[in-house]
Structure formats: structure tokens, C-alpha cells
Protein backbone atom coordinates (compact mmCIF):
# COMPACT_ATOMS: atom_id res chain seq x y z
CA MET A 1 -11.50 44.75 -45.60
CA LEU A 2 -13.26 43.86 -42.36
CA LEU A 3 -15.65 40.94 -42.63
CA TRP A 4 -18.87 42.77 -41.82
CA ALA A 5 -21.12 39.77 -42.54
CA ALA A 6 -23.87 42.11 -43.70
CA PRO A 7 -25.49 40.37 -46.67
CA GLY A 8 -27.75 42.35 -48.92
CA ALA A 9 -31.32 41.48 -49.76
CA THR A 10 -32.39 40.19 -53.12
CA HIS A 11 -33.42 42.96 -55.51
CA GLY A 12 -36.72 42.69 -57.29
CA GLN A 13 -38.91 41.51 -54.41
CA PRO A 14 -42.65 42.25 -54.80
CA VAL A 15 -43.80 45.68 -53.64
CA VAL A 16 -45.54 45.66 -50.25
CA THR A 17 -47.95 48.55 -49.75
CA LYS A 18 -48.86 47.93 -46.11
CA LEU A 19 -46.83 46.74 -43.11
CA ASP A 20 -47.96 45.55 -39.70
CA PRO A 21 -46.00 47.41 -36.98
CA ASP A 22 -46.28 44.41 -34.64
CA ASP A 23 -44.69 42.12 -37.22
CA ILE A 24 -41.88 44.62 -37.80
CA HIS A 25 -41.32 44.93 -34.07
CA ASP A 26 -41.01 41.17 -33.63
CA ALA A 27 -38.58 40.90 -36.55
CA VAL A 28 -36.40 43.93 -35.82
CA ALA A 29 -36.53 44.69 -32.08
CA PRO A 30 -34.06 41.94 -31.02
CA ALA A 31 -31.36 43.65 -33.13
CA LEU A 32 -32.09 47.17 -31.87
CA CYS A 33 -30.01 48.64 -29.07
CA LEU A 34 -30.20 51.71 -26.90
CA VAL A 35 -26.85 53.47 -27.31
CA THR A 36 -25.47 55.31 -24.27
CA VAL A 37 -22.15 57.11 -24.69
CA GLU A 38 -20.06 57.57 -21.51
CA ASN A 39 -16.87 59.40 -20.62
CA THR A 40 -14.01 57.96 -18.56
CA TRP A 41 -15.87 58.82 -15.34
CA GLY A 42 -18.85 56.78 -16.49
CA VAL A 43 -21.00 59.89 -16.98
CA PRO A 44 -23.58 59.53 -19.80
CA LEU A 45 -23.00 62.10 -22.55
CA ALA A 46 -25.57 61.17 -25.20
CA VAL A 47 -28.28 58.61 -25.90
CA GLY A 48 -29.37 57.26 -29.28
CA THR A 49 -30.47 54.17 -31.19
CA GLY A 50 -28.37 51.58 -32.98
CA PHE A 51 -28.83 48.21 -34.63
CA LEU A 52 -26.72 45.11 -34.98
CA LEU A 53 -25.31 44.39 -38.39
CA GLY A 54 -25.20 41.00 -40.10
CA ASP A 55 -23.78 38.42 -37.71
CA GLY A 56 -24.02 40.77 -34.72
CA ARG A 57 -20.35 41.66 -34.34
CA PHE A 58 -20.91 45.34 -35.18
CA ALA A 59 -23.59 47.89 -34.27
CA VAL A 60 -24.39 50.86 -36.51
CA THR A 61 -25.44 54.15 -34.98
CA ASP A 62 -25.25 57.94 -35.30
CA LEU A 63 -21.63 59.17 -35.42
CA GLY A 64 -22.69 62.55 -34.05
CA ALA A 65 -23.94 60.94 -30.85
CA VAL A 66 -20.87 58.73 -30.30
CA ALA A 67 -18.10 61.19 -31.20
CA GLN A 68 -18.39 63.18 -27.99
CA PRO A 69 -15.33 64.74 -26.36
CA ALA A 70 -13.73 62.16 -24.05
CA ALA A 71 -16.10 59.38 -25.12
CA ALA A 72 -14.56 56.21 -23.67
CA LYS A 73 -17.27 53.58 -23.71
CA VAL A 74 -20.61 52.88 -25.34
CA THR A 75 -23.17 50.73 -23.57
CA LEU A 76 -25.60 48.87 -25.83
CA ARG A 77 -28.82 47.82 -24.09
CA PHE A 78 -31.33 45.52 -25.74
CA ALA A 79 -35.06 45.17 -25.26
CA ASP A 80 -34.62 42.12 -23.01
CA GLY A 81 -32.52 44.18 -20.59
CA SER A 82 -29.15 42.64 -21.45
CA THR A 83 -26.18 44.92 -22.13
CA VAL A 84 -22.82 44.78 -23.87
CA THR A 85 -20.14 47.43 -24.25
CA ALA A 86 -18.18 48.80 -27.17
CA THR A 87 -14.86 50.62 -26.94
CA GLN A 88 -13.74 50.30 -30.58
CA PHE A 89 -15.09 51.07 -34.03
CA GLY A 90 -14.42 49.52 -37.40
CA MET A 91 -15.82 52.23 -39.66
CA ALA A 92 -16.76 55.88 -39.19
CA ASP A 93 -17.93 57.93 -42.16
CA PRO A 94 -18.44 61.67 -41.47
CA ALA A 95 -20.16 62.17 -44.85
CA LEU A 96 -22.80 59.61 -43.91
CA GLY A 97 -22.86 60.54 -40.24
CA LEU A 98 -22.66 56.86 -39.26
CA VAL A 99 -20.31 54.64 -37.29
CA ALA A 100 -19.96 50.86 -36.91
CA LEU A 101 -19.05 49.93 -33.32
CA ARG A 102 -17.33 46.66 -32.49
CA VAL A 103 -19.57 44.83 -30.04
CA GLY A 104 -17.56 43.68 -27.04
CA PRO A 105 -17.65 40.23 -25.50
CA GLY A 106 -20.39 39.13 -23.12
CA GLY A 107 -23.87 37.80 -23.52
CA ALA A 108 -25.31 35.63 -26.24
CA ARG A 109 -24.43 36.47 -29.82
CA ARG A 110 -27.36 38.17 -31.51
CA ARG A 111 -28.35 38.16 -35.12
CA GLY A 112 -28.18 41.50 -36.89
CA LEU A 113 -29.98 43.05 -39.84
CA PRO A 114 -28.93 42.90 -43.50
CA LEU A 115 -28.24 46.03 -45.54
CA ALA A 116 -29.89 46.63 -48.89
CA PRO A 117 -27.24 46.91 -51.65
CA TYR A 118 -29.51 49.16 -53.69
CA LEU A 119 -31.56 52.32 -53.27
CA PRO A 120 -35.21 51.65 -52.50
CA ALA A 121 -37.83 52.76 -54.99
CA LEU A 122 -38.45 56.43 -54.29
CA ASP A 123 -41.95 56.55 -55.74
CA GLY A 124 -43.82 56.45 -52.43
CA ILE A 125 -45.61 53.22 -53.33
CA GLY A 126 -43.83 50.64 -51.22
CA ALA A 127 -44.36 50.69 -47.46
CA VAL A 128 -41.41 50.94 -45.08
CA ALA A 129 -41.05 51.05 -41.31
CA ALA A 130 -38.69 52.76 -38.88
CA ALA A 131 -37.87 51.20 -35.53
CA GLY A 132 -35.97 52.80 -32.66
CA TRP A 133 -35.77 53.60 -28.96
CA GLU A 134 -38.13 56.57 -28.72
CA TRP A 135 -36.92 59.10 -26.16
CA GLY A 136 -34.44 56.43 -25.06
CA LYS A 137 -37.15 54.57 -23.14
CA GLU A 138 -38.87 51.95 -25.29
CA VAL A 139 -38.83 50.49 -28.78
CA ALA A 140 -41.32 52.14 -31.14
CA VAL A 141 -42.23 51.30 -34.72
CA VAL A 142 -43.80 53.66 -37.27
CA THR A 143 -44.72 52.97 -40.87
CA GLY A 144 -44.64 55.26 -43.86
CA ARG A 145 -43.16 55.85 -47.31
CA VAL A 146 -39.64 56.74 -48.36
CA TRP A 147 -38.92 59.48 -50.90
CA ARG A 148 -35.96 61.32 -52.30
CA GLY A 149 -35.07 64.00 -49.78
CA PRO A 150 -33.17 67.28 -49.94
CA GLU A 151 -29.87 67.54 -51.77
CA ILE A 152 -26.78 67.03 -49.64
CA ARG A 153 -25.40 70.40 -50.71
CA SER A 154 -28.64 72.11 -49.60
CA VAL A 155 -28.53 70.60 -46.10
CA ALA A 156 -24.79 71.32 -45.92
CA ALA A 157 -25.45 74.97 -46.69
CA ARG A 158 -28.17 75.15 -44.03
CA THR A 159 -25.88 73.61 -41.40
CA ARG A 160 -22.83 75.60 -42.58
CA VAL A 161 -20.63 72.61 -43.27
CA ASN A 162 -18.64 71.67 -46.37
CA THR A 163 -20.52 69.57 -48.89
CA PRO A 164 -19.14 66.01 -48.69
CA ALA A 165 -18.41 63.90 -51.73
CA GLY A 166 -19.94 60.52 -52.44
CA VAL A 167 -23.57 61.16 -51.48
CA GLU A 168 -25.99 63.24 -53.54
CA PHE A 169 -29.12 63.41 -51.42
CA PHE A 170 -30.79 62.36 -48.22
CA LEU A 171 -33.83 60.15 -48.14
CA ARG A 172 -36.89 61.37 -46.28
CA LEU A 173 -39.48 59.33 -44.44
CA ASP A 174 -43.13 60.32 -44.55
CA GLY A 175 -45.56 58.99 -41.97
CA GLY A 176 -45.04 58.65 -38.24
CA ARG A 177 -41.93 59.86 -36.49
CA ILE A 178 -39.80 58.30 -33.76
CA GLU A 179 -38.64 61.11 -31.52
CA ALA A 180 -35.08 61.38 -30.21
CA ALA A 181 -33.94 58.12 -31.84
CA SER A 182 -31.24 59.12 -34.30
CA GLY A 183 -29.54 56.01 -35.71
CA SER A 184 -32.78 54.05 -36.13
CA PRO A 185 -33.02 51.71 -39.13
CA VAL A 186 -35.65 52.11 -41.84
CA VAL A 187 -36.58 48.62 -43.04
CA ASP A 188 -38.77 46.85 -45.56
CA GLY A 189 -41.16 44.01 -44.77
CA SER A 190 -38.35 41.47 -44.64
CA GLY A 191 -36.35 43.44 -42.05
CA THR A 192 -33.71 44.55 -44.55
CA VAL A 193 -32.30 47.99 -43.75
CA LEU A 194 -33.04 50.50 -46.51
CA ALA A 195 -31.80 53.62 -44.70
CA VAL A 196 -30.67 54.95 -41.31
CA LEU A 197 -32.39 57.93 -39.70
CA LEU A 198 -30.26 60.95 -38.78
CA ASP A 199 -31.71 63.70 -36.59
CA VAL A 200 -29.81 66.45 -38.42
CA ALA A 201 -30.05 69.89 -36.80
CA ALA A 202 -30.65 71.76 -40.05
CA PRO A 203 -32.61 75.04 -39.89
CA GLY A 204 -35.80 74.84 -41.93
CA VAL A 205 -35.71 71.04 -42.29
CA SER A 206 -38.57 69.43 -40.38
CA VAL A 207 -38.84 66.08 -42.20
CA ALA A 208 -37.18 62.89 -40.99
CA LEU A 209 -33.91 62.54 -42.91
CA ALA A 210 -32.11 59.26 -43.55
CA MET A 211 -28.92 58.03 -45.18
CA PRO A 212 -29.28 55.23 -47.76
CA ALA A 213 -28.20 51.80 -46.54
CA SER A 214 -26.56 51.18 -49.90
CA SER A 215 -24.15 54.07 -49.20
CA LEU A 216 -23.44 52.64 -45.75
CA ARG A 217 -22.79 49.23 -47.25
CA GLN A 218 -20.35 50.70 -49.78
CA SER A 219 -18.53 52.62 -47.05
CA LEU A 220 -18.19 49.43 -45.00
CA LEU A 221 -16.76 47.53 -47.94
CA GLU A 222 -14.21 50.26 -48.59
CA SER A 223 -13.10 50.78 -44.98
CA GLU A 224 -9.65 49.80 -43.77
CA PRO A 225 -9.45 46.40 -42.03
CA ARG A 226 -8.62 47.57 -38.52
CA LEU A 227 -10.30 48.41 -35.25
CA GLN A 228 -9.67 51.74 -33.57
CA ALA A 229 -10.35 53.25 -30.14
CA LEU A 230 -13.27 55.65 -29.70
CA SER A 231 -10.75 58.40 -29.05
CA ASP A 232 -9.74 58.11 -32.73
CA LEU A 233 -13.23 58.82 -34.07
CA PRO A 234 -13.31 61.52 -36.75
CA GLU A 235 -15.16 64.74 -36.09
CA PRO A 236 -18.80 64.46 -37.22
CA LEU A 237 -19.82 66.49 -40.23
CA TRP A 238 -23.55 66.73 -39.57
CA PRO A 239 -24.74 68.49 -36.40
CA VAL A 240 -27.44 66.36 -34.81
CA HIS A 241 -30.00 66.83 -32.05
CA LEU A 242 -28.70 64.91 -29.03
CA LEU A 243 -30.71 63.31 -26.27
CA ARG A 244 -28.95 63.88 -22.95
CA LEU A 245 -31.48 62.40 -20.56
CA PRO A 246 -33.73 59.42 -21.43
CA GLY A 247 -37.44 60.08 -21.13
CA LYS A 248 -40.01 62.22 -22.89
CA PRO A 249 -39.98 65.87 -21.81
CA PRO A 250 -43.16 67.23 -20.22
CA GLN A 251 -45.60 69.43 -22.03
CA PRO A 252 -45.57 73.08 -20.89
CA ALA A 253 -49.02 72.81 -19.31
CA SER A 254 -48.22 69.65 -17.36
CA PHE A 255 -44.90 71.07 -16.18
CA ALA A 256 -46.67 74.20 -14.97
CA ARG A 257 -49.12 72.03 -13.01
CA VAL A 258 -46.24 70.25 -11.26
CA ARG A 259 -44.66 73.60 -10.43
CA ASP A 260 -47.91 74.89 -8.95
CA HIS A 261 -48.29 71.68 -6.95
CA VAL A 262 -44.79 72.11 -5.53
CA ARG A 263 -45.51 75.71 -4.55
CA ALA A 264 -48.71 74.65 -2.81
CA SER A 265 -47.05 71.67 -1.10
CA VAL A 266 -44.39 73.69 0.72
CA ILE A 267 -46.87 76.09 2.27
CA CYS A 268 -47.02 75.30 5.98
CA THR A 269 -50.22 73.41 6.72
CA GLU A 270 -50.48 74.76 10.26
CA CYS A 271 -50.24 78.50 9.67
CA LYS A 272 -51.32 78.44 5.99
CA GLY A 273 -48.19 80.32 4.99
CA LYS A 274 -48.67 83.22 7.42
CA GLY A 275 -45.83 82.27 9.77
CA THR A 276 -47.95 82.89 12.90
CA VAL A 277 -50.75 81.11 14.70
CA ARG A 278 -53.11 82.15 17.45
CA ALA A 279 -52.19 81.15 20.96
CA GLU A 280 -54.31 78.41 22.46
CA ASP A 281 -53.19 78.63 26.09
CA GLN A 282 -51.67 81.06 28.56
CA ARG A 283 -48.41 79.32 29.26
CA GLY A 284 -45.11 81.14 29.01
CA PRO A 285 -45.03 84.86 28.28
CA LEU A 286 -48.51 84.97 26.71
CA LYS A 287 -50.80 87.51 28.26
CA ARG A 288 -54.10 86.51 26.68
CA LEU A 289 -55.72 83.99 24.42
CA GLY A 290 -55.62 84.85 20.71
CA ASP A 291 -52.18 86.43 20.69
CA LYS A 292 -50.31 85.65 17.49
CA VAL A 293 -47.19 83.62 18.02
CA GLU A 294 -44.55 82.11 15.79
CA CYS A 295 -45.78 78.97 14.09
CA PRO A 296 -44.06 76.01 15.78
CA ARG A 297 -44.11 73.90 12.62
CA CYS A 298 -42.38 76.31 10.22
CA TYR A 299 -40.61 78.51 12.79
CA GLY A 300 -42.41 81.53 11.45
CA GLU A 301 -41.21 81.09 7.87
CA GLY A 302 -44.55 80.18 6.30
CA VAL A 303 -43.03 77.26 4.39
CA ALA A 304 -42.17 73.78 5.63
CA LEU A 305 -40.84 70.57 4.23
CA GLU A 306 -43.78 68.35 5.00
CA SER A 307 -43.65 64.61 4.42
CA GLY A 308 -43.26 63.85 0.71
CA VAL A 309 -42.55 67.46 -0.29
CA TYR A 310 -38.88 66.88 -1.06
CA GLU A 311 -39.82 63.95 -3.28
CA THR A 312 -42.20 66.26 -5.14
CA LEU A 313 -39.41 68.81 -5.55
CA ALA A 314 -37.09 66.09 -6.89
CA THR A 315 -39.73 64.99 -9.42
CA TRP A 316 -40.11 68.61 -10.54
CA ALA A 317 -36.32 68.88 -10.95
CA GLU A 318 -36.17 65.72 -13.06
CA LEU A 319 -38.99 66.92 -15.32
CA GLY A 320 -37.35 70.32 -15.65
CA THR A 321 -34.03 68.76 -16.61
CA ARG A 322 -35.71 66.74 -19.37
CA ALA A 323 -37.43 69.89 -20.57
CA VAL A 324 -34.41 72.16 -20.86
CA TRP A 325 -32.21 69.45 -22.42
CA ALA A 326 -34.83 68.12 -24.85
CA PRO A 327 -33.54 67.82 -28.43
CA GLY A 328 -33.70 70.99 -30.48
CA ARG A 329 -37.01 70.45 -32.24
CA VAL A 330 -38.88 70.34 -28.92
CA THR A 331 -38.53 74.08 -28.46
CA GLY A 332 -41.88 74.96 -26.88
CA ILE A 333 -40.89 73.73 -23.44
CA HIS A 334 -37.36 75.16 -23.23
CA THR A 335 -38.16 78.80 -22.45
CA THR A 336 -41.16 77.94 -20.31
CA ALA A 337 -39.20 75.49 -18.18
CA ARG A 338 -36.21 77.77 -17.65
CA ALA A 339 -38.42 80.67 -16.61
CA ALA A 340 -40.33 78.42 -14.22
CA GLY A 341 -37.08 77.05 -12.82
CA GLN A 342 -35.62 80.47 -12.18
CA GLU A 343 -38.82 81.63 -10.51
CA MET A 344 -39.04 78.56 -8.27
CA LEU A 345 -35.39 78.54 -7.20
CA THR A 346 -35.38 82.29 -6.52
CA TRP A 347 -38.41 81.77 -4.32
CA LEU A 348 -36.76 78.88 -2.47
CA THR A 349 -33.51 80.80 -1.89
CA VAL A 350 -35.35 83.49 0.08
CA ALA A 351 -37.27 80.95 2.13
CA GLY A 352 -36.33 80.87 5.77
CA ARG A 353 -33.18 79.46 7.26
CA HIS A 354 -34.99 76.50 8.84
CA PHE A 355 -36.56 75.51 5.54
CA ARG A 356 -33.19 75.60 3.77
CA GLU A 357 -31.69 73.48 6.53
CA THR A 358 -34.41 70.82 6.40
CA CYS A 359 -34.28 70.77 2.60
CA SER A 360 -30.51 70.26 2.77
CA ALA A 361 -30.98 67.36 5.17
CA ALA A 362 -33.51 65.71 2.84
CA ALA A 363 -31.19 66.14 -0.13
CA GLY A 364 -28.29 64.67 1.85
CA ARG A 365 -30.33 61.58 2.67
CA ASP A 366 -31.29 61.27 -0.99
CA ILE A 367 -27.69 61.50 -2.19
CA ASP A 368 -26.71 58.84 0.34
CA ARG A 369 -29.09 56.41 -1.41
CA LEU A 370 -26.72 55.93 -4.34
CA GLU A 371 -28.16 52.53 -5.12
CA ASN A 372 -31.31 54.21 -6.40
CA PRO A 373 -31.57 54.05 -10.20
CA SER A 374 -30.57 57.07 -12.26
CA PRO A 375 -31.65 59.41 -13.61
CA ARG A 376 -33.54 60.88 -10.69
CA GLY A 377 -34.22 64.43 -9.60
CA LEU A 378 -32.20 66.32 -7.01
CA VAL A 379 -32.59 69.73 -5.35
CA VAL A 380 -29.62 70.65 -3.20
CA PHE A 381 -28.08 73.61 -1.39
CA ALA A 382 -24.30 73.29 -1.76
CA GLU A 383 -21.05 75.19 -1.56
CA ILE A 384 -18.83 75.19 -4.64
CA ARG A 385 -15.76 73.62 -3.09
CA ASP A 386 -13.47 73.42 -6.11
CA THR A 387 -13.16 73.30 -9.89
CA ILE A 388 -11.25 70.33 -11.33
CA SER A 389 -10.29 69.14 -14.78
CA GLY A 390 -12.64 66.47 -16.08
CA PRO A 391 -12.38 64.23 -19.12
CA ASP A 392 -14.57 66.61 -21.15
CA GLY A 393 -13.90 69.98 -19.56
CA PRO A 394 -13.90 71.65 -16.13
CA TYR A 395 -16.20 70.23 -13.45
CA LEU A 396 -17.48 72.09 -10.42
CA ILE A 397 -17.32 70.06 -7.22
CA LEU A 398 -20.23 70.97 -4.96
CA ASP A 399 -20.19 70.20 -1.25
CA PRO A 400 -23.72 69.73 0.13
CA LEU A 401 -24.59 69.36 3.79
CA HIS A 402 -25.66 66.21 5.62
CA THR A 403 -23.81 63.77 3.36
CA ASN A 404 -20.34 62.39 2.79
CA TYR A 405 -20.77 62.64 -0.97
CA MET A 406 -19.98 65.44 -3.39
CA VAL A 407 -21.96 66.61 -6.41
CA ALA A 408 -20.08 67.08 -9.69
CA VAL A 409 -21.44 69.30 -12.47
CA ARG A 410 -19.73 69.97 -15.77
CA GLU A 411 -19.18 73.72 -16.07
CA GLN A 412 -20.45 73.74 -19.64
CA ASP A 413 -23.68 72.05 -18.55
CA LEU A 414 -24.15 74.39 -15.59
CA MET A 415 -24.37 77.31 -18.01
CA GLY A 416 -27.17 75.58 -19.92
CA SER A 417 -27.60 74.61 -23.55
CA ASP A 418 -27.37 78.29 -24.55
CA ARG A 419 -24.15 78.76 -22.48
CA LYS A 420 -25.65 81.88 -20.86
CA GLY A 421 -26.63 80.66 -17.41
CA PRO A 422 -29.75 81.75 -15.50
CA SER A 423 -28.77 85.43 -15.53
CA GLY A 424 -28.16 85.46 -19.27
CA ALA A 425 -24.72 86.96 -18.69
CA GLY A 426 -22.78 83.72 -19.08
CA ARG A 427 -21.04 84.01 -15.71
CA ARG A 428 -20.58 80.91 -13.59
CA PRO A 429 -20.72 81.08 -9.79
CA ALA A 430 -17.40 81.53 -8.01
CA ASP A 431 -15.67 78.88 -5.96
CA LYS A 432 -16.57 79.00 -2.23
CA SER A 433 -19.98 80.51 -3.04
CA TRP A 434 -23.30 78.80 -2.32
CA ILE A 435 -25.91 77.85 -4.88
CA LEU A 436 -29.24 76.07 -4.95
CA LEU A 437 -29.07 73.48 -7.72
CA ALA A 438 -31.93 71.56 -9.31
CA GLY A 439 -31.12 68.78 -11.75
CA ALA A 440 -31.04 65.06 -12.44
CA VAL A 441 -28.50 62.57 -11.13
CA LEU A 442 -26.81 60.84 -14.07
CA SER A 443 -24.30 58.53 -12.43
CA ARG A 444 -21.81 58.03 -9.65
CA PHE A 445 -18.25 59.28 -9.89
CA GLU A 446 -15.01 58.79 -7.98
CA VAL A 447 -11.95 60.88 -8.77
CA GLY A 448 -9.16 61.08 -6.21
CA ARG A 449 -10.65 62.22 -2.90
CA ASN A 450 -13.87 63.34 -4.58
CA HIS A 451 -16.69 60.83 -4.86
CA GLY A 452 -20.41 61.22 -5.20
CA VAL A 453 -22.89 61.83 -8.00
CA CYS A 454 -22.72 63.63 -11.35
CA VAL A 455 -25.70 65.86 -12.08
CA LEU A 456 -27.14 67.30 -15.28
CA PRO A 457 -28.48 70.71 -14.21
CA PHE A 458 -31.99 71.99 -14.71
CA GLU A 459 -31.41 75.41 -13.15
CA TRP A 460 -29.48 77.04 -10.33
CA ALA A 461 -29.52 80.21 -8.27
CA ARG A 462 -27.08 81.89 -5.91
CA CYS A 463 -28.10 81.67 -2.27
CA PRO A 464 -26.87 82.23 1.28
CA ALA A 465 -25.51 79.37 3.35
CA PRO A 466 -28.46 77.21 4.42
CA GLY A 467 -27.82 77.27 8.13
CA PRO A 468 -25.40 75.87 10.71
CA LEU A 469 -22.75 73.91 8.81
CA LYS A 470 -23.31 70.29 9.84
CA ARG A 471 -20.88 68.38 7.71
CA PRO A 472 -20.25 64.68 8.30
CA GLY A 473 -16.63 63.76 8.94
CA ARG A 474 -14.89 63.00 5.67
């Protein structure tokens, strides 16, 4: 067997009925890692929480997050900002929904957490704590009690999977909840792992479910003594809610306020959206003072990209992307955000030709600033130049104006989490057509002659070409 170096705690320790979250944070946080799964292009596919095991050579996390199609690398980021990568695993147990990743070289060796060799008392008396990267942004700690949870066969029936052997029931954690942090450890006061949280997408199950650490420990001891590539990961049994984009999604009310602010911001300040102003002199063809003429700021369109407006649009796009890709339990914002996105983009596509041209120029300048950290919002008019095979399915290559860079969008993502697209008909836009795309930049990419940024879409709409085609020489 592999030498996991994951000693168990001593059974029979005194029961602790109250834990200090700050103490737990200090003891556990150094072993916690933000888990980012990437494909061969370096595009992030999923984000979760993991923790180092024993002597720090392996990190345990949610198998459902890691076993993505074309997963090639996992980046583990710690609270101090340091990172290491993992490209191999030593154990993957579909019944438990957990995987042990081999931590790659680089950085100082960190101490991991021990696994309890026994089930915790399920009487609700002893206090426990869960620690994880909430919404993929910062380490959070919540305290509560651990109880016997639903039977495995019951959750299997709800998720329509075969009942696995070897585990009888989940544990459930009462108390606070760490959102979007599947793979987080549940620990006792000594920092010993009692269970691992799994964000199982089971209809009718709203409690926080966890797999016993004793079952994980047994699976580790029984695993074959060899490392394997991520491409050899088994298919996950348990469907889990995945976090695609780090960051807490907005509340419906706050998102609506941003939308309204964007709408107000693009109204031309000179003509107040009317498209005309009153003449102030008699030069040119004017016959008399007071004649209405085309507004010189917005060229008669009523909307203009004033200073800072594109940045506001980009912020709105980033918030919208977080909203529509929020994990499944956060359902209140999904419908609201998609409807708001469709309304906004439809409105922008019928804006005047000059507005579309200036918006394209602003987006081109933004794409050129590739050194800016991701994710960040993007609103871009672009022609669908081609569809190419990517590591995890077809990708649309979009050709925006005013930049040398392309925008790549996975076809599956462009159709949204429901696979229906903005029209609800499930039809993607055709190659050589133009669309207005709002989304969040995930990463750079370079494949053959195509290089630029990969985007996770918020929403898109078909549109006419934005104006005279001013493409930089490529």
C-alpha cells in the first residue's frame, strides 16, 4: 500500500462541547487548499476545497470536482498565497466521492491533518467544526454538531445512481454552512478529521452531507500502491454542485441595481437620451436658433460610452456570470440574472452603430490587457470565426474588433447550464455570424494560430456587425 502517513487520533478523548472558530482556523487553515481543476489549455473547469493529509504528500478533495473531462492539472493554493500543482492521484473512491491527489514538488513541505480511525459519536453532544474556502475566495470556519445522516441507498435513489457497497450512511452537519466548498474537512478540537463534506446534488436534501473519515482512511489503506494520471480517474458516482467561478454570486436585488445603473450610465449626458439637441448658433445650414440637430456626442443614438461606462458593463457581466453559474442550491438568482442579461444585451444590440463601434474598441483595449488578473468581466461584439476541437468539447473562436486576440468559448458553456441557450431552443449561433457576448475571462489560451482569452459566458445575443471592420493585422 502507499505510505499515506495519515495517523489516526487517539480514541476516548474527552468530549468538547464548544469550539472557538479562531482556534480551529489557526490549527487547520495552513493545511487547507483551494483546488482549481484545469484542462490542457489551462482553462479552469471547477473550484473546490481540499486538505493536506498526514505528512503533506497527498491532498484529499471532492472526486466530482476533479474528475472533469480533459482534466490535466490541479492547482492547490494555500492561504499564504503559495501554490503547488498535482497531476497524479494515489486513491480515488467513487463510493466515497473522494480522491487523494499527489502533491507535486515545489514550495515548503506542509504538515497535513490526521484522519480519525473511528466514527465520531453521533449523539450531537460533542462540538465539531468545518473549515473550507467559501465561494473559493477565503477560508471560513463554522461550528456545529455531527449526526447520522440519510442512508446511502436513499441518497442514491434520489440521485438515480446505483447504491455503492461499503458505506451505509452519510453524516450530516448541523450548524453553520460553508457555501461552495465541497471537500472541506470536518474536524474536532484537536484538528483531527472526522468527516469530509460533499456538496451532493440530491433533490430534497438540504442538509450538509459528509463522508466519514474512518471510511476514507480504510479506503486509503486498501488502495493499490501506485500513482496514476488524472486522465485515469474513475467516473464519480455522486453528482455534486460545482463552483465554476470563484466569488459569491450577487443577490437578485443587488444585481438588479447594477443593471439599472448600467442602463442609466449609457444614456447620453448631453441629449439625455433623445438623440437631438437644440442649436446654439447659426453656423452651417441652420436657419434659426432652437432648431433640433443631431447630438454631437452620441451621433443621434441617445446612448454613449462615457468614461467609465465600459468598466461598469464589465462589472455587470462578471456579476451576471457568477449568478448564472452559481452552484445548484443558489437558485433564486439564476432565472432573474438570465432574464436581466437577455434584456440588457437585446437592448445593446439595437443601440446605434457608433455605440457598438466604441464599445468594441473599449473591449479590444480590455482584452489587450491580458496581464490583468482573472476572472474579470467582458462585454464584446465579435464574429464567430470558427469552431475547433478543444480538450473538453468544441470551442467557438470569436474574432472581436480592435485587438489581435481571439475569444474562445466552450460550446457547451455558451448554451448555459440548462443547455438551452438564450432563446430556449438549444441552437448555437452559426459560424461567420455576429454576437454580443457578456461573460467573465477565465484564462489565456494559445492553440495553433489562435491565441487570446477563454471566457465563461453570462449571456449572448445575435447582433449585426458593429460598424466598419477595423481589424489589426494578424
